[in-house]
C-alpha atoms as a PDB file:
ATOM      1  CA  MET A   1     -37.240  33.813   3.087  1.00  0.00           C
ATOM      2  CA  ILE A   2     -37.424  33.951   6.851  1.00  0.00           C
ATOM      3  CA  ARG A   3     -35.876  31.437   9.187  1.00  0.00           C
ATOM      4  CA  GLU A   4     -37.615  30.561  12.404  1.00  0.00           C
ATOM      5  CA  ILE A   5     -35.140  29.460  15.121  1.00  0.00           C
ATOM      6  CA  ALA A   6     -36.626  27.791  18.241  1.00  0.00           C
ATOM      7  CA  LEU A   7     -34.550  26.993  21.306  1.00  0.00           C
ATOM      8  CA  ILE A   8     -36.203  24.070  22.968  1.00  0.00           C
ATOM      9  CA  ASP A   9     -35.342  22.688  26.438  1.00  0.00           C
ATOM     10  CA  VAL A  10     -36.888  19.288  27.246  1.00  0.00           C
ATOM     11  CA  ARG A  11     -37.193  17.576  30.559  1.00  0.00           C
ATOM     12  CA  GLU A  12     -34.206  15.361  31.457  1.00  0.00           C
ATOM     13  CA  GLY A  13     -34.939  11.790  30.571  1.00  0.00           C
ATOM     14  CA  SER A  14     -37.530  12.700  27.855  1.00  0.00           C
ATOM     15  CA  GLU A  15     -34.973  13.510  25.093  1.00  0.00           C
ATOM     16  CA  ASN A  16     -35.552  10.254  23.115  1.00  0.00           C
ATOM     17  CA  ASP A  17     -39.292  10.468  23.451  1.00  0.00           C
ATOM     18  CA  PHE A  18     -39.196  14.045  22.252  1.00  0.00           C
ATOM     19  CA  ALA A  19     -37.022  13.075  19.318  1.00  0.00           C
ATOM     20  CA  ALA A  20     -39.312  10.142  18.408  1.00  0.00           C
ATOM     21  CA  ARG A  21     -42.496  12.222  18.556  1.00  0.00           C
ATOM     22  CA  ASN A  22     -40.895  14.999  16.561  1.00  0.00           C
ATOM     23  CA  ALA A  23     -41.062  12.972  13.280  1.00  0.00           C
ATOM     24  CA  GLU A  24     -44.922  13.105  13.512  1.00  0.00           C
ATOM     25  CA  ALA A  25     -44.754  16.818  14.412  1.00  0.00           C
ATOM     26  CA  GLN A  26     -42.476  17.536  11.534  1.00  0.00           C
ATOM     27  CA  ALA A  27     -45.036  16.209   9.127  1.00  0.00           C
ATOM     28  CA  ILE A  28     -47.643  18.626  10.358  1.00  0.00           C
ATOM     29  CA  LEU A  29     -45.168  21.511  10.153  1.00  0.00           C
ATOM     30  CA  THR A  30     -43.791  20.773   6.718  1.00  0.00           C
ATOM     31  CA  GLY A  31     -47.310  20.295   5.381  1.00  0.00           C
ATOM     32  CA  THR A  32     -48.090  23.869   6.169  1.00  0.00           C
ATOM     33  CA  PRO A  33     -48.447  26.277   3.235  1.00  0.00           C
ATOM     34  CA  GLY A  34     -45.460  28.513   3.084  1.00  0.00           C
ATOM     35  CA  CYS A  35     -43.086  26.106   4.872  1.00  0.00           C
ATOM     36  CA  LEU A  36     -40.041  25.421   2.784  1.00  0.00           C
ATOM     37  CA  SER A  37     -38.092  23.188   5.069  1.00  0.00           C
ATOM     38  CA  ALA A  38     -37.772  22.141   8.735  1.00  0.00           C
ATOM     39  CA  GLN A  39     -34.982  20.580  10.639  1.00  0.00           C
ATOM     40  CA  MET A  40     -34.432  19.712  14.296  1.00  0.00           C
ATOM     41  CA  PHE A  41     -31.013  19.525  15.953  1.00  0.00           C
ATOM     42  CA  ARG A  42     -30.060  18.000  19.313  1.00  0.00           C
ATOM     43  CA  GLY A  43     -27.340  19.528  21.574  1.00  0.00           C
ATOM     44  CA  VAL A  44     -24.149  17.501  22.007  1.00  0.00           C
ATOM     45  CA  GLU A  45     -22.880  19.342  25.081  1.00  0.00           C
ATOM     46  CA  SER A  46     -26.482  19.851  26.247  1.00  0.00           C
ATOM     47  CA  PRO A  47     -28.465  16.782  25.235  1.00  0.00           C
ATOM     48  CA  THR A  48     -31.735  18.207  26.706  1.00  0.00           C
ATOM     49  CA  ARG A  49     -31.489  21.254  24.347  1.00  0.00           C
ATOM     50  CA  PHE A  50     -32.953  21.049  20.828  1.00  0.00           C
ATOM     51  CA  VAL A  51     -32.903  23.658  18.153  1.00  0.00           C
ATOM     52  CA  GLY A  52     -35.541  23.769  15.427  1.00  0.00           C
ATOM     53  CA  MET A  53     -34.870  25.665  12.231  1.00  0.00           C
ATOM     54  CA  VAL A  54     -37.755  26.224   9.816  1.00  0.00           C
ATOM     55  CA  GLU A  55     -37.571  28.114   6.546  1.00  0.00           C
ATOM     56  CA  TRP A  56     -40.719  29.998   5.651  1.00  0.00           C
ATOM     57  CA  GLU A  57     -41.695  31.885   2.568  1.00  0.00           C
ATOM     58  CA  SER A  58     -42.364  34.848   4.849  1.00  0.00           C
ATOM     59  CA  ARG A  59     -42.891  35.674   8.624  1.00  0.00           C
ATOM     60  CA  ASP A  60     -46.649  35.986   7.751  1.00  0.00           C
ATOM     61  CA  ALA A  61     -46.663  32.421   6.341  1.00  0.00           C
ATOM     62  CA  HIS A  62     -45.420  31.217   9.709  1.00  0.00           C
ATOM     63  CA  LEU A  63     -47.677  33.289  11.809  1.00  0.00           C
ATOM     64  CA  GLN A  64     -50.905  33.042   9.802  1.00  0.00           C
ATOM     65  CA  ASN A  65     -50.561  29.547   8.176  1.00  0.00           C
ATOM     66  CA  PHE A  66     -49.121  27.816  11.213  1.00  0.00           C
ATOM     67  CA  ARG A  67     -49.280  29.599  14.574  1.00  0.00           C
ATOM     68  CA  GLY A  68     -52.789  30.868  14.008  1.00  0.00           C
ATOM     69  CA  THR A  69     -54.221  27.401  13.110  1.00  0.00           C
ATOM     70  CA  ASP A  70     -55.136  24.021  14.430  1.00  0.00           C
ATOM     71  CA  ARG A  71     -51.897  22.751  12.937  1.00  0.00           C
ATOM     72  CA  TYR A  72     -50.035  24.546  15.680  1.00  0.00           C
ATOM     73  CA  SER A  73     -52.364  23.097  18.317  1.00  0.00           C
ATOM     74  CA  ARG A  74     -51.805  19.614  17.033  1.00  0.00           C
ATOM     75  CA  TYR A  75     -47.989  20.226  16.928  1.00  0.00           C
ATOM     76  CA  VAL A  76     -47.987  21.516  20.570  1.00  0.00           C
ATOM     77  CA  ALA A  77     -50.067  18.589  21.668  1.00  0.00           C
ATOM     78  CA  LEU A  78     -47.494  16.167  20.342  1.00  0.00           C
ATOM     79  CA  LEU A  79     -44.394  17.805  21.768  1.00  0.00           C
ATOM     80  CA  GLY A  80     -45.607  19.950  24.699  1.00  0.00           C
ATOM     81  CA  GLU A  81     -45.530  17.345  27.389  1.00  0.00           C
ATOM     82  CA  PHE A  82     -41.801  16.983  27.005  1.00  0.00           C
ATOM     83  CA  LEU A  83     -40.955  20.748  27.442  1.00  0.00           C
ATOM     84  CA  ALA A  84     -39.005  21.909  30.473  1.00  0.00           C
ATOM     85  CA  ALA A  85     -39.916  25.533  29.693  1.00  0.00           C
ATOM     86  CA  PRO A  86     -41.581  27.401  26.833  1.00  0.00           C
ATOM     87  CA  PRO A  87     -39.407  27.518  23.695  1.00  0.00           C
ATOM     88  CA  VAL A  88     -37.675  30.802  22.731  1.00  0.00           C
ATOM     89  CA  VAL A  89     -38.686  31.408  19.118  1.00  0.00           C
ATOM     90  CA  GLU A  90     -37.377  34.248  16.846  1.00  0.00           C
ATOM     91  CA  HIS A  91     -37.278  35.032  13.155  1.00  0.00           C
ATOM     92  CA  PHE A  92     -33.942  35.624  11.379  1.00  0.00           C
ATOM     93  CA  VAL A  93     -32.744  36.575   7.895  1.00  0.00           C
ATOM     94  CA  LEU A  94     -29.218  36.448   6.391  1.00  0.00           C
ATOM     95  CA  TYR A  95     -27.443  39.638   7.624  1.00  0.00           C
ATOM     96  CA  ASP A  96     -27.660  41.200   4.140  1.00  0.00           C
ATOM     97  CA  GLU A  97     -31.256  40.210   3.351  1.00  0.00           C
ATOM     98  CA  LYS A  98     -34.304  42.375   3.760  1.00  0.00           C
ATOM     99  CA  PRO A  99     -36.961  40.840   6.019  1.00  0.00           C
ATOM    100  CA  GLU A 100     -40.030  39.532   4.157  1.00  0.00           C
ATOM    101  CA  LEU A 101     -42.881  40.220   6.584  1.00  0.00           C
END
């Protein structure tokens, strides 16, 4: 299993709109083959910062089943207008796990 972590900064004043729109975006994401779960967290000290955590069967499941499809385009269309900057996205495994590419 691979965990995708996305650091997302939204424009000040759009936090609630981003959070509301995220529910629809999450449905697109979690309906993707290979997506095991998805959560979005909002910063307490930095309320314009969100962290998305998605568990994927593999890195390829994320890149081929989501990023390379119209699902990703629809996801970005829902949330992109609220972004202050492009998200920082990386893949992680538990420190003692072998990455499943």
